[in-house]
Amino acid sequence: MKKASIFTLLSFLAVAVIAQSGGIPFGDLPPTNEFGKCYAKCKAADIYETVSKQVLVKEQSTKLVKVPAQYETQTETIMTKEGGTDYKVIPAVYETVTDRIMVKPEQTLLSTKAAKYSTQTRQVLVSEARGEWVKKRKGPNCFSQNPDDCFIVCYEEVPAKYRTETYKVLASGAGTSQRTIPAKYKTITKRVIKTPARVVEVPVEAQYQTVSKQVLISPESTREEVIPAVYKTATERRLVSKGDYGVWTEILCAAKTSSSKVREVQNYLVSKGFNPGPVDGVLGVQTQNALLEYQRKNSLPEGNMNLETLRHMGINY
């Protein structure tokens, strides 16, 4: 009996040491260590309720309001400038003529080509492939912006490591090559007149101005105005329940949280009367809130896009 108790205690301490060495502040690890699986232990948000009441700030009162006099605007149109004829100079239009002349004739050059070598490589195994638990600080399907509220670990494969060795082999021997330098040309441009300048007549219309004046319709007066009472809403926020970390829940790994999978979740939420916002394949704040509301209504694990929630929705993962 004593040997069994000592074995149980040593097993618990071994799990605790492994969890702390990976940077996970819990005394347990996920239930399985299979490649391609990810788990999350998320902290539920604190739940508050708000109580509000109306408080009188200022009682109803009255005041005298001055009603300004009313005026009417009467207008009259007068000529400020007579019409006539103006003259406009249209400038000449030019075009550019080009001519191409040879500056340097074509040349042929001979050059010596050195031998070329290529580098060949081969891979030498340094360490075998293995698997290990990898902690993720923040997953794309965790709702909280605080990375300490949601710890994710994935059992991932660490690939084998190889060392690259290189050596050189002759690719091509030395020789000579011929290169032709093309002739060079120069373009000469000059401007020639296409359309000469000319003068045209432009009619100028007469200009008018509207003159206005104010005519009194009703004189200034006063009236009594009721100022309604002013109230303000006083609110108090009370803590209903304190959020805490749940259990390890299997979730979609980051590589499997595709936009098409998020769109399936968004379409399902819309069909059930929830509002995830635009069906755009992005796990944004509005989609997270709608998914959290669905999880709470159906007593599902909260705070991430876990497999239990996807199974409840009938979505293949």
C-alpha atoms as a PDB file:
ATOM      1  CA  MET A   1       0.000   0.000   0.000  1.00  0.00           C
ATOM      2  CA  LYS A   2       2.822   2.401   0.807  1.00  0.00           C
ATOM      3  CA  LYS A   3       4.640   1.547  -2.462  1.00  0.00           C
ATOM      4  CA  ALA A   4       1.516   2.446  -4.508  1.00  0.00           C
ATOM      5  CA  SER A   5       1.176   5.832  -2.711  1.00  0.00           C
ATOM      6  CA  ILE A   6       4.842   6.685  -3.349  1.00  0.00           C
ATOM      7  CA  PHE A   7       4.468   5.761  -7.063  1.00  0.00           C
ATOM      8  CA  THR A   8       1.347   7.982  -7.411  1.00  0.00           C
ATOM      9  CA  LEU A   9       3.136  10.936  -5.748  1.00  0.00           C
ATOM     10  CA  LEU A  10       6.208  10.562  -7.992  1.00  0.00           C
ATOM     11  CA  SER A  11       3.980  10.434 -11.114  1.00  0.00           C
ATOM     12  CA  PHE A  12       2.204  13.669 -10.086  1.00  0.00           C
ATOM     13  CA  LEU A  13       5.531  15.452  -9.432  1.00  0.00           C
ATOM     14  CA  ALA A  14       6.861  14.330 -12.840  1.00  0.00           C
ATOM     15  CA  VAL A  15       3.819  15.802 -14.621  1.00  0.00           C
ATOM     16  CA  ALA A  16       4.163  19.069 -12.670  1.00  0.00           C
ATOM     17  CA  VAL A  17       7.871  19.398 -13.569  1.00  0.00           C
ATOM     18  CA  ILE A  18       7.148  18.777 -17.268  1.00  0.00           C
ATOM     19  CA  ALA A  19       4.344  21.368 -17.279  1.00  0.00           C
ATOM     20  CA  GLN A  20       6.501  24.025 -15.600  1.00  0.00           C
ATOM     21  CA  SER A  21       9.503  23.333 -17.855  1.00  0.00           C
ATOM     22  CA  GLY A  22       7.301  24.099 -20.888  1.00  0.00           C
ATOM     23  CA  GLY A  23       6.183  27.451 -19.460  1.00  0.00           C
ATOM     24  CA  ILE A  24       2.591  26.213 -18.637  1.00  0.00           C
ATOM     25  CA  PRO A  25       1.447  27.402 -15.152  1.00  0.00           C
ATOM     26  CA  PHE A  26      -0.687  24.305 -14.514  1.00  0.00           C
ATOM     27  CA  GLY A  27       0.023  20.992 -12.813  1.00  0.00           C
ATOM     28  CA  ASP A  28      -1.298  18.893 -15.707  1.00  0.00           C
ATOM     29  CA  LEU A  29      -0.838  18.430 -19.463  1.00  0.00           C
ATOM     30  CA  PRO A  30      -3.425  17.565 -22.142  1.00  0.00           C
ATOM     31  CA  PRO A  31      -4.730  13.972 -22.076  1.00  0.00           C
ATOM     32  CA  THR A  32      -3.028  12.822 -25.310  1.00  0.00           C
ATOM     33  CA  ASN A  33       0.284  13.479 -27.083  1.00  0.00           C
ATOM     34  CA  GLU A  34      -0.695  12.767 -30.702  1.00  0.00           C
ATOM     35  CA  PHE A  35       0.805  14.656 -33.639  1.00  0.00           C
ATOM     36  CA  GLY A  36      -1.468  17.347 -35.099  1.00  0.00           C
ATOM     37  CA  LYS A  37      -3.634  17.773 -31.969  1.00  0.00           C
ATOM     38  CA  CYS A  38      -3.906  21.061 -30.022  1.00  0.00           C
ATOM     39  CA  TYR A  39      -5.498  21.792 -26.658  1.00  0.00           C
ATOM     40  CA  ALA A  40      -6.442  25.012 -24.827  1.00  0.00           C
ATOM     41  CA  LYS A  41      -7.143  25.841 -21.207  1.00  0.00           C
ATOM     42  CA  CYS A  42      -8.903  29.243 -21.309  1.00  0.00           C
ATOM     43  CA  LYS A  43      -9.927  31.619 -18.586  1.00  0.00           C
ATOM     44  CA  ALA A  44     -13.646  32.476 -18.594  1.00  0.00           C
ATOM     45  CA  ALA A  45     -14.486  36.171 -18.377  1.00  0.00           C
ATOM     46  CA  ASP A  46     -15.863  37.681 -15.176  1.00  0.00           C
ATOM     47  CA  ILE A  47     -19.662  38.140 -15.364  1.00  0.00           C
ATOM     48  CA  TYR A  48     -21.120  41.459 -14.218  1.00  0.00           C
ATOM     49  CA  GLU A  49     -24.640  42.918 -14.028  1.00  0.00           C
ATOM     50  CA  THR A  50     -25.524  46.596 -14.305  1.00  0.00           C
ATOM     51  CA  VAL A  51     -28.238  48.181 -12.137  1.00  0.00           C
ATOM     52  CA  SER A  52     -29.524  51.611 -13.205  1.00  0.00           C
ATOM     53  CA  LYS A  53     -31.896  54.260 -11.756  1.00  0.00           C
ATOM     54  CA  GLN A  54     -33.066  57.790 -12.627  1.00  0.00           C
ATOM     55  CA  VAL A  55     -31.788  60.645 -10.429  1.00  0.00           C
ATOM     56  CA  LEU A  56     -33.279  64.221 -10.540  1.00  0.00           C
ATOM     57  CA  VAL A  57     -30.556  66.716 -11.405  1.00  0.00           C
ATOM     58  CA  LYS A  58     -32.619  69.885 -11.939  1.00  0.00           C
ATOM     59  CA  GLU A  59     -36.345  70.594 -11.357  1.00  0.00           C
ATOM     60  CA  GLN A  60     -38.700  71.959 -14.027  1.00  0.00           C
ATOM     61  CA  SER A  61     -38.620  75.760 -14.459  1.00  0.00           C
ATOM     62  CA  THR A  62     -39.693  78.556 -16.819  1.00  0.00           C
ATOM     63  CA  LYS A  63     -37.863  81.373 -18.561  1.00  0.00           C
ATOM     64  CA  LEU A  64     -38.660  84.353 -20.775  1.00  0.00           C
ATOM     65  CA  VAL A  65     -37.397  83.941 -24.308  1.00  0.00           C
ATOM     66  CA  LYS A  66     -36.909  86.897 -26.607  1.00  0.00           C
ATOM     67  CA  VAL A  67     -38.539  86.402 -29.999  1.00  0.00           C
ATOM     68  CA  PRO A  68     -36.544  88.423 -32.528  1.00  0.00           C
ATOM     69  CA  ALA A  69     -38.171  90.658 -35.076  1.00  0.00           C
ATOM     70  CA  GLN A  70     -38.871  89.097 -38.469  1.00  0.00           C
ATOM     71  CA  TYR A  71     -37.834  90.701 -41.719  1.00  0.00           C
ATOM     72  CA  GLU A  72     -38.515  90.012 -45.354  1.00  0.00           C
ATOM     73  CA  THR A  73     -35.884  90.402 -48.040  1.00  0.00           C
ATOM     74  CA  GLN A  74     -36.898  92.342 -51.158  1.00  0.00           C
ATOM     75  CA  THR A  75     -34.566  92.178 -54.161  1.00  0.00           C
ATOM     76  CA  GLU A  76     -33.948  94.320 -57.265  1.00  0.00           C
ATOM     77  CA  THR A  77     -31.711  93.542 -60.262  1.00  0.00           C
ATOM     78  CA  ILE A  78     -29.540  96.318 -61.744  1.00  0.00           C
ATOM     79  CA  MET A  79     -26.961  96.352 -64.603  1.00  0.00           C
ATOM     80  CA  THR A  80     -23.382  96.817 -63.450  1.00  0.00           C
ATOM     81  CA  LYS A  81     -21.604  96.419 -66.809  1.00  0.00           C
ATOM     82  CA  GLU A  82     -22.826  96.714 -70.396  1.00  0.00           C
ATOM     83  CA  GLY A  83     -22.282  93.934 -72.936  1.00  0.00           C
ATOM     84  CA  GLY A  84     -19.862  94.217 -75.883  1.00  0.00           C
ATOM     85  CA  THR A  85     -17.139  92.440 -77.829  1.00  0.00           C
ATOM     86  CA  ASP A  86     -13.719  91.230 -76.603  1.00  0.00           C
ATOM     87  CA  TYR A  87     -10.752  89.878 -78.566  1.00  0.00           C
ATOM     88  CA  LYS A  88      -8.825  86.694 -77.752  1.00  0.00           C
ATOM     89  CA  VAL A  89      -5.411  85.726 -79.133  1.00  0.00           C
ATOM     90  CA  ILE A  90      -5.134  82.006 -79.944  1.00  0.00           C
ATOM     91  CA  PRO A  91      -1.399  81.122 -79.904  1.00  0.00           C
ATOM     92  CA  ALA A  92       0.332  79.247 -82.689  1.00  0.00           C
ATOM     93  CA  VAL A  93       0.530  75.425 -82.536  1.00  0.00           C
ATOM     94  CA  TYR A  94       3.917  73.739 -83.048  1.00  0.00           C
ATOM     95  CA  GLU A  95       4.909  70.153 -83.797  1.00  0.00           C
ATOM     96  CA  THR A  96       8.187  68.296 -83.249  1.00  0.00           C
ATOM     97  CA  VAL A  97      10.012  66.724 -86.216  1.00  0.00           C
ATOM     98  CA  THR A  98      12.691  64.078 -85.495  1.00  0.00           C
ATOM     99  CA  ASP A  99      15.620  62.733 -87.536  1.00  0.00           C
ATOM    100  CA  ARG A 100      17.805  59.690 -86.630  1.00  0.00           C
ATOM    101  CA  ILE A 101      21.547  59.701 -87.457  1.00  0.00           C
ATOM    102  CA  MET A 102      24.384  57.183 -86.766  1.00  0.00           C
ATOM    103  CA  VAL A 103      26.891  58.287 -84.101  1.00  0.00           C
ATOM    104  CA  LYS A 104      29.013  55.110 -83.809  1.00  0.00           C
ATOM    105  CA  PRO A 105      29.103  52.090 -86.221  1.00  0.00           C
ATOM    106  CA  GLU A 106      28.617  48.452 -85.167  1.00  0.00           C
ATOM    107  CA  GLN A 107      31.671  46.691 -83.541  1.00  0.00           C
ATOM    108  CA  THR A 108      32.676  43.031 -82.969  1.00  0.00           C
ATOM    109  CA  LEU A 109      34.728  42.114 -79.847  1.00  0.00           C
ATOM    110  CA  LEU A 110      36.455  38.827 -79.001  1.00  0.00           C
ATOM    111  CA  SER A 111      36.718  37.799 -75.326  1.00  0.00           C
ATOM    112  CA  THR A 112      38.287  34.887 -73.481  1.00  0.00           C
ATOM    113  CA  LYS A 113      35.930  32.735 -71.371  1.00  0.00           C
ATOM    114  CA  ALA A 114      37.340  31.127 -68.227  1.00  0.00           C
ATOM    115  CA  ALA A 115      36.440  27.603 -67.153  1.00  0.00           C
ATOM    116  CA  LYS A 116      33.305  27.351 -64.960  1.00  0.00           C
ATOM    117  CA  TYR A 117      32.694  25.079 -62.018  1.00  0.00           C
ATOM    118  CA  SER A 118      29.416  24.107 -60.358  1.00  0.00           C
ATOM    119  CA  THR A 119      28.921  23.429 -56.682  1.00  0.00           C
ATOM    120  CA  GLN A 120      27.323  20.093 -55.779  1.00  0.00           C
ATOM    121  CA  THR A 121      25.813  19.408 -52.345  1.00  0.00           C
ATOM    122  CA  ARG A 122      24.845  16.350 -50.331  1.00  0.00           C
ATOM    123  CA  GLN A 123      22.871  16.043 -47.067  1.00  0.00           C
ATOM    124  CA  VAL A 124      24.328  14.341 -43.965  1.00  0.00           C
ATOM    125  CA  LEU A 125      21.946  13.370 -41.108  1.00  0.00           C
ATOM    126  CA  VAL A 126      22.707  15.226 -37.845  1.00  0.00           C
ATOM    127  CA  SER A 127      19.682  14.308 -35.636  1.00  0.00           C
ATOM    128  CA  GLU A 128      16.610  12.053 -36.064  1.00  0.00           C
ATOM    129  CA  ALA A 129      13.013  13.404 -36.193  1.00  0.00           C
ATOM    130  CA  ARG A 130      11.109  13.425 -32.877  1.00  0.00           C
ATOM    131  CA  GLY A 131       7.874  14.773 -31.293  1.00  0.00           C
ATOM    132  CA  GLU A 132       7.455  17.272 -28.464  1.00  0.00           C
ATOM    133  CA  TRP A 133       4.795  19.512 -26.831  1.00  0.00           C
ATOM    134  CA  VAL A 134       5.020  23.107 -28.071  1.00  0.00           C
ATOM    135  CA  LYS A 135       3.332  25.956 -26.172  1.00  0.00           C
ATOM    136  CA  LYS A 136       1.461  28.585 -28.223  1.00  0.00           C
ATOM    137  CA  ARG A 137       1.072  32.006 -26.557  1.00  0.00           C
ATOM    138  CA  LYS A 138      -2.019  33.035 -28.577  1.00  0.00           C
ATOM    139  CA  GLY A 139      -4.095  30.967 -30.981  1.00  0.00           C
ATOM    140  CA  PRO A 140      -6.260  32.459 -33.784  1.00  0.00           C
ATOM    141  CA  ASN A 141      -9.402  30.865 -32.318  1.00  0.00           C
ATOM    142  CA  CYS A 142      -8.942  32.062 -28.716  1.00  0.00           C
ATOM    143  CA  PHE A 143     -11.243  34.997 -27.934  1.00  0.00           C
ATOM    144  CA  SER A 144      -9.308  36.828 -25.184  1.00  0.00           C
ATOM    145  CA  GLN A 145      -6.696  39.421 -26.262  1.00  0.00           C
ATOM    146  CA  ASN A 146      -4.698  38.640 -23.078  1.00  0.00           C
ATOM    147  CA  PRO A 147      -2.270  35.779 -23.968  1.00  0.00           C
ATOM    148  CA  ASP A 148      -2.217  34.702 -20.275  1.00  0.00           C
ATOM    149  CA  ASP A 149      -5.976  33.956 -20.424  1.00  0.00           C
ATOM    150  CA  CYS A 150      -5.641  31.063 -22.898  1.00  0.00           C
ATOM    151  CA  PHE A 151      -2.749  28.578 -22.931  1.00  0.00           C
ATOM    152  CA  ILE A 152      -2.459  26.348 -26.010  1.00  0.00           C
ATOM    153  CA  VAL A 153      -0.110  23.402 -26.487  1.00  0.00           C
ATOM    154  CA  CYS A 154       0.295  21.288 -29.620  1.00  0.00           C
ATOM    155  CA  TYR A 155       2.183  18.007 -29.977  1.00  0.00           C
ATOM    156  CA  GLU A 156       4.291  18.787 -33.034  1.00  0.00           C
ATOM    157  CA  GLU A 157       6.899  16.871 -34.985  1.00  0.00           C
ATOM    158  CA  VAL A 158      10.448  18.234 -34.814  1.00  0.00           C
ATOM    159  CA  PRO A 159      11.909  17.302 -38.217  1.00  0.00           C
ATOM    160  CA  ALA A 160      15.254  15.599 -38.641  1.00  0.00           C
ATOM    161  CA  LYS A 161      18.272  17.905 -39.023  1.00  0.00           C
ATOM    162  CA  TYR A 162      20.806  17.571 -41.816  1.00  0.00           C
ATOM    163  CA  ARG A 163      24.180  19.158 -42.551  1.00  0.00           C
ATOM    164  CA  THR A 164      24.936  20.257 -46.115  1.00  0.00           C
ATOM    165  CA  GLU A 165      28.363  19.360 -47.552  1.00  0.00           C
ATOM    166  CA  THR A 166      29.496  21.036 -50.759  1.00  0.00           C
ATOM    167  CA  TYR A 167      32.084  20.183 -53.468  1.00  0.00           C
ATOM    168  CA  LYS A 168      32.915  21.581 -56.922  1.00  0.00           C
ATOM    169  CA  VAL A 169      32.860  19.892 -60.356  1.00  0.00           C
ATOM    170  CA  LEU A 170      33.839  21.233 -63.800  1.00  0.00           C
ATOM    171  CA  ALA A 171      30.784  22.572 -65.639  1.00  0.00           C
ATOM    172  CA  SER A 172      32.358  24.001 -68.800  1.00  0.00           C
ATOM    173  CA  GLY A 173      35.906  24.435 -70.106  1.00  0.00           C
ATOM    174  CA  ALA A 174      37.742  27.627 -71.054  1.00  0.00           C
ATOM    175  CA  GLY A 175      37.263  29.180 -74.510  1.00  0.00           C
ATOM    176  CA  THR A 176      36.648  32.351 -76.483  1.00  0.00           C
ATOM    177  CA  SER A 177      33.435  34.162 -77.389  1.00  0.00           C
ATOM    178  CA  GLN A 178      32.456  36.850 -79.849  1.00  0.00           C
ATOM    179  CA  ARG A 179      30.288  39.820 -78.848  1.00  0.00           C
ATOM    180  CA  THR A 180      28.736  42.330 -81.228  1.00  0.00           C
ATOM    181  CA  ILE A 181      28.242  45.924 -80.038  1.00  0.00           C
ATOM    182  CA  PRO A 182      25.371  47.431 -82.042  1.00  0.00           C
ATOM    183  CA  ALA A 183      25.686  50.788 -83.742  1.00  0.00           C
ATOM    184  CA  LYS A 184      24.608  53.886 -81.832  1.00  0.00           C
ATOM    185  CA  TYR A 185      22.206  56.439 -83.187  1.00  0.00           C
ATOM    186  CA  LYS A 186      21.222  59.943 -82.157  1.00  0.00           C
ATOM    187  CA  THR A 187      17.777  61.508 -82.604  1.00  0.00           C
ATOM    188  CA  ILE A 188      17.694  65.195 -83.603  1.00  0.00           C
ATOM    189  CA  THR A 189      14.453  67.079 -82.970  1.00  0.00           C
ATOM    190  CA  LYS A 190      13.217  70.493 -84.063  1.00  0.00           C
ATOM    191  CA  ARG A 191       9.973  72.412 -83.652  1.00  0.00           C
ATOM    192  CA  VAL A 192       8.073  73.667 -86.690  1.00  0.00           C
ATOM    193  CA  ILE A 193       4.904  75.766 -86.816  1.00  0.00           C
ATOM    194  CA  LYS A 194       1.754  73.775 -87.578  1.00  0.00           C
ATOM    195  CA  THR A 195      -0.980  76.410 -87.110  1.00  0.00           C
ATOM    196  CA  PRO A 196      -0.173  80.164 -86.984  1.00  0.00           C
ATOM    197  CA  ALA A 197      -1.502  82.438 -84.244  1.00  0.00           C
ATOM    198  CA  ARG A 198      -4.824  84.219 -84.818  1.00  0.00           C
ATOM    199  CA  VAL A 199      -7.236  86.692 -83.169  1.00  0.00           C
ATOM    200  CA  VAL A 200     -10.938  85.870 -82.667  1.00  0.00           C
ATOM    201  CA  GLU A 201     -13.869  87.965 -81.430  1.00  0.00           C
ATOM    202  CA  VAL A 202     -15.529  86.895 -78.158  1.00  0.00           C
ATOM    203  CA  PRO A 203     -18.950  88.360 -77.241  1.00  0.00           C
ATOM    204  CA  VAL A 204     -19.144  89.734 -73.671  1.00  0.00           C
ATOM    205  CA  GLU A 205     -22.539  89.567 -71.986  1.00  0.00           C
ATOM    206  CA  ALA A 206     -23.855  92.357 -69.817  1.00  0.00           C
ATOM    207  CA  GLN A 207     -23.404  91.855 -66.035  1.00  0.00           C
ATOM    208  CA  TYR A 208     -26.143  92.366 -63.480  1.00  0.00           C
ATOM    209  CA  GLN A 209     -26.220  92.600 -59.690  1.00  0.00           C
ATOM    210  CA  THR A 210     -29.063  91.793 -57.321  1.00  0.00           C
ATOM    211  CA  VAL A 211     -29.564  94.422 -54.582  1.00  0.00           C
ATOM    212  CA  SER A 212     -31.583  93.374 -51.541  1.00  0.00           C
ATOM    213  CA  LYS A 213     -33.109  95.190 -48.561  1.00  0.00           C
ATOM    214  CA  GLN A 214     -34.770  94.087 -45.314  1.00  0.00           C
ATOM    215  CA  VAL A 215     -38.446  94.954 -44.615  1.00  0.00           C
ATOM    216  CA  LEU A 216     -39.919  94.500 -41.071  1.00  0.00           C
ATOM    217  CA  ILE A 217     -42.801  91.983 -40.902  1.00  0.00           C
ATOM    218  CA  SER A 218     -43.269  91.565 -37.120  1.00  0.00           C
ATOM    219  CA  PRO A 219     -41.578  93.480 -34.256  1.00  0.00           C
ATOM    220  CA  GLU A 220     -39.512  91.922 -31.472  1.00  0.00           C
ATOM    221  CA  SER A 221     -41.500  90.246 -28.580  1.00  0.00           C
ATOM    222  CA  THR A 222     -41.076  87.836 -25.623  1.00  0.00           C
ATOM    223  CA  ARG A 223     -42.671  84.507 -24.666  1.00  0.00           C
ATOM    224  CA  GLU A 224     -42.532  82.159 -21.677  1.00  0.00           C
ATOM    225  CA  GLU A 225     -40.830  78.795 -22.223  1.00  0.00           C
ATOM    226  CA  VAL A 226     -41.006  75.740 -19.934  1.00  0.00           C
ATOM    227  CA  ILE A 227     -37.638  74.104 -19.173  1.00  0.00           C
ATOM    228  CA  PRO A 228     -38.291  70.421 -18.387  1.00  0.00           C
ATOM    229  CA  ALA A 229     -36.748  68.718 -15.403  1.00  0.00           C
ATOM    230  CA  VAL A 230     -33.328  67.115 -16.003  1.00  0.00           C
ATOM    231  CA  TYR A 231     -32.619  63.545 -14.941  1.00  0.00           C
ATOM    232  CA  LYS A 232     -29.544  61.389 -15.206  1.00  0.00           C
ATOM    233  CA  THR A 233     -29.143  57.634 -15.172  1.00  0.00           C
ATOM    234  CA  ALA A 234     -26.928  56.391 -12.361  1.00  0.00           C
ATOM    235  CA  THR A 235     -25.521  52.892 -12.956  1.00  0.00           C
ATOM    236  CA  GLU A 236     -23.719  50.437 -10.727  1.00  0.00           C
ATOM    237  CA  ARG A 237     -21.725  47.445 -12.018  1.00  0.00           C
ATOM    238  CA  ARG A 238     -21.743  44.384  -9.773  1.00  0.00           C
ATOM    239  CA  LEU A 239     -19.699  41.172 -10.069  1.00  0.00           C
ATOM    240  CA  VAL A 240     -21.962  38.125 -10.494  1.00  0.00           C
ATOM    241  CA  SER A 241     -19.322  35.408 -10.875  1.00  0.00           C
ATOM    242  CA  LYS A 242     -15.522  35.361 -11.050  1.00  0.00           C
ATOM    243  CA  GLY A 243     -13.960  33.832 -14.188  1.00  0.00           C
ATOM    244  CA  ASP A 244     -11.505  30.938 -13.771  1.00  0.00           C
ATOM    245  CA  TYR A 245      -9.543  28.502 -15.957  1.00  0.00           C
ATOM    246  CA  GLY A 246     -11.391  25.450 -17.226  1.00  0.00           C
ATOM    247  CA  VAL A 247     -10.052  22.070 -18.301  1.00  0.00           C
ATOM    248  CA  TRP A 248      -7.890  21.178 -21.303  1.00  0.00           C
ATOM    249  CA  THR A 249     -10.183  21.257 -24.356  1.00  0.00           C
ATOM    250  CA  GLU A 250      -9.193  19.979 -27.787  1.00  0.00           C
ATOM    251  CA  ILE A 251      -9.298  22.817 -30.353  1.00  0.00           C
ATOM    252  CA  LEU A 252      -8.482  23.325 -34.024  1.00  0.00           C
ATOM    253  CA  CYS A 253      -4.761  23.943 -34.460  1.00  0.00           C
ATOM    254  CA  ALA A 254      -3.738  27.226 -36.143  1.00  0.00           C
ATOM    255  CA  ALA A 255      -2.979  25.439 -39.449  1.00  0.00           C
ATOM    256  CA  LYS A 256      -6.538  24.000 -39.559  1.00  0.00           C
ATOM    257  CA  THR A 257      -8.340  27.226 -38.562  1.00  0.00           C
ATOM    258  CA  SER A 258      -8.962  28.179 -42.208  1.00  0.00           C
ATOM    259  CA  SER A 259     -11.193  30.978 -43.467  1.00  0.00           C
ATOM    260  CA  SER A 260     -13.540  28.385 -45.050  1.00  0.00           C
ATOM    261  CA  LYS A 261     -13.969  26.664 -41.658  1.00  0.00           C
ATOM    262  CA  VAL A 262     -14.710  30.029 -39.980  1.00  0.00           C
ATOM    263  CA  ARG A 263     -17.295  30.759 -42.708  1.00  0.00           C
ATOM    264  CA  GLU A 264     -19.036  27.438 -41.920  1.00  0.00           C
ATOM    265  CA  VAL A 265     -19.289  28.488 -38.265  1.00  0.00           C
ATOM    266  CA  GLN A 266     -20.562  31.965 -39.237  1.00  0.00           C
ATOM    267  CA  ASN A 267     -23.220  30.527 -41.573  1.00  0.00           C
ATOM    268  CA  TYR A 268     -24.368  28.091 -38.856  1.00  0.00           C
ATOM    269  CA  LEU A 269     -24.637  30.912 -36.270  1.00  0.00           C
ATOM    270  CA  VAL A 270     -26.709  32.993 -38.707  1.00  0.00           C
ATOM    271  CA  SER A 271     -29.039  30.002 -39.324  1.00  0.00           C
ATOM    272  CA  LYS A 272     -29.613  29.704 -35.557  1.00  0.00           C
ATOM    273  CA  GLY A 273     -30.462  33.395 -35.069  1.00  0.00           C
ATOM    274  CA  PHE A 274     -27.074  34.620 -33.829  1.00  0.00           C
ATOM    275  CA  ASN A 275     -25.276  37.664 -35.292  1.00  0.00           C
ATOM    276  CA  PRO A 276     -21.594  36.914 -36.151  1.00  0.00           C
ATOM    277  CA  GLY A 277     -21.322  39.998 -38.398  1.00  0.00           C
ATOM    278  CA  PRO A 278     -20.175  39.672 -42.041  1.00  0.00           C
ATOM    279  CA  VAL A 279     -19.701  36.080 -43.256  1.00  0.00           C
ATOM    280  CA  ASP A 280     -16.109  36.793 -44.331  1.00  0.00           C
ATOM    281  CA  GLY A 281     -14.098  33.874 -42.900  1.00  0.00           C
ATOM    282  CA  VAL A 282     -12.472  36.116 -40.235  1.00  0.00           C
ATOM    283  CA  LEU A 283     -12.788  35.147 -36.549  1.00  0.00           C
ATOM    284  CA  GLY A 284     -13.290  38.775 -35.459  1.00  0.00           C
ATOM    285  CA  VAL A 285     -14.751  40.222 -32.255  1.00  0.00           C
ATOM    286  CA  GLN A 286     -18.393  40.064 -33.474  1.00  0.00           C
ATOM    287  CA  THR A 287     -18.018  36.417 -34.535  1.00  0.00           C
ATOM    288  CA  GLN A 288     -16.289  35.565 -31.223  1.00  0.00           C
ATOM    289  CA  ASN A 289     -19.123  37.172 -29.212  1.00  0.00           C
ATOM    290  CA  ALA A 290     -21.794  35.298 -31.210  1.00  0.00           C
ATOM    291  CA  LEU A 291     -19.921  31.979 -30.795  1.00  0.00           C
ATOM    292  CA  LEU A 292     -19.470  32.622 -27.056  1.00  0.00           C
ATOM    293  CA  GLU A 293     -23.231  33.320 -26.740  1.00  0.00           C
ATOM    294  CA  TYR A 294     -23.974  30.031 -28.567  1.00  0.00           C
ATOM    295  CA  GLN A 295     -21.556  28.112 -26.293  1.00  0.00           C
ATOM    296  CA  ARG A 296     -23.112  29.530 -23.110  1.00  0.00           C
ATOM    297  CA  LYS A 297     -26.657  28.817 -24.340  1.00  0.00           C
ATOM    298  CA  ASN A 298     -25.733  25.168 -25.063  1.00  0.00           C
ATOM    299  CA  SER A 299     -23.438  24.618 -22.017  1.00  0.00           C
ATOM    300  CA  LEU A 300     -20.360  24.065 -24.229  1.00  0.00           C
ATOM    301  CA  PRO A 301     -16.673  24.826 -23.463  1.00  0.00           C
ATOM    302  CA  GLU A 302     -16.104  28.576 -23.869  1.00  0.00           C
ATOM    303  CA  GLY A 303     -13.348  30.877 -25.096  1.00  0.00           C
ATOM    304  CA  ASN A 304     -12.189  29.134 -28.277  1.00  0.00           C
ATOM    305  CA  MET A 305     -13.313  27.241 -31.388  1.00  0.00           C
ATOM    306  CA  ASN A 306     -13.112  23.776 -29.812  1.00  0.00           C
ATOM    307  CA  LEU A 307     -14.000  20.422 -31.339  1.00  0.00           C
ATOM    308  CA  GLU A 308     -16.905  19.820 -28.929  1.00  0.00           C
ATOM    309  CA  THR A 309     -18.586  23.004 -30.205  1.00  0.00           C
ATOM    310  CA  LEU A 310     -17.962  21.999 -33.860  1.00  0.00           C
ATOM    311  CA  ARG A 311     -19.456  18.538 -33.174  1.00  0.00           C
ATOM    312  CA  HIS A 312     -22.520  20.174 -31.570  1.00  0.00           C
ATOM    313  CA  MET A 313     -22.917  22.315 -34.732  1.00  0.00           C
ATOM    314  CA  GLY A 314     -22.489  19.256 -36.996  1.00  0.00           C
ATOM    315  CA  ILE A 315     -19.417  20.810 -38.697  1.00  0.00           C
ATOM    316  CA  ASN A 316     -16.802  18.351 -39.982  1.00  0.00           C
ATOM    317  CA  TYR A 317     -13.305  19.131 -38.684  1.00  0.00           C
END
